[in-house]
């Protein structure tokens, strides 16, 4: 029974890591979009 619990914990840990990786990738994409938007706003303001 403890073997089942251990394998389930490992699977859950891997799933959580995959979710965290996905969250970080999404965050980086959003930050890049924000950076682009700010650059465009600066160009518009200081034109």
Protein backbone atom coordinates (compact mmCIF):
# COMPACT_ATOMS: atom_id res chain seq x y z
CA UNK A 1 0.00 0.00 0.00
CA UNK A 2 2.82 2.42 0.78
CA UNK A 3 4.19 1.74 -2.71
CA UNK A 4 0.94 3.04 -4.19
CA UNK A 5 1.10 6.14 -2.04
CA UNK A 6 4.70 6.78 -3.06
CA UNK A 7 3.96 6.40 -6.77
CA UNK A 8 0.92 8.68 -6.44
CA UNK A 9 3.01 11.31 -4.64
CA UNK A 10 5.65 11.17 -7.36
CA UNK A 11 3.01 11.58 -10.06
CA UNK A 12 1.44 14.48 -8.17
CA UNK A 13 4.83 16.15 -7.72
CA UNK A 14 5.56 15.81 -11.45
CA UNK A 15 2.12 17.24 -12.27
CA UNK A 16 2.72 20.18 -9.93
CA UNK A 17 6.12 20.86 -11.50
CA UNK A 18 4.57 20.82 -14.96
CA UNK A 19 1.91 23.27 -13.79
CA UNK A 20 4.56 25.54 -12.28
CA UNK A 21 6.58 25.45 -15.51
CA UNK A 22 3.46 26.33 -17.44
CA UNK A 23 2.67 29.17 -15.03
CA UNK A 24 6.18 30.59 -15.42
CA UNK A 25 5.98 30.39 -19.20
CA UNK A 26 2.61 32.16 -19.17
CA UNK A 27 4.01 34.82 -16.85
CA UNK A 28 7.01 35.41 -19.10
CA UNK A 29 4.75 35.75 -22.13
CA UNK A 30 2.54 38.26 -20.31
CA UNK A 31 5.57 40.24 -19.14
CA UNK A 32 6.91 40.42 -22.71
CA UNK A 33 3.53 41.73 -23.91
CA UNK A 34 3.54 44.34 -21.14
CA UNK A 35 7.08 45.35 -22.08
CA UNK A 36 6.04 45.76 -25.72
CA UNK A 37 2.99 47.80 -24.74
CA UNK A 38 5.09 50.10 -22.55
CA UNK A 39 7.60 50.60 -25.36
CA UNK A 40 4.79 51.54 -27.76
CA UNK A 41 3.30 53.94 -25.21
CA UNK A 42 6.69 55.61 -24.74
CA UNK A 43 7.03 56.07 -28.49
CA UNK A 44 3.53 57.57 -28.67
CA UNK A 45 4.05 59.92 -25.72
CA UNK A 46 7.47 61.20 -26.73
CA UNK A 47 6.70 61.49 -30.44
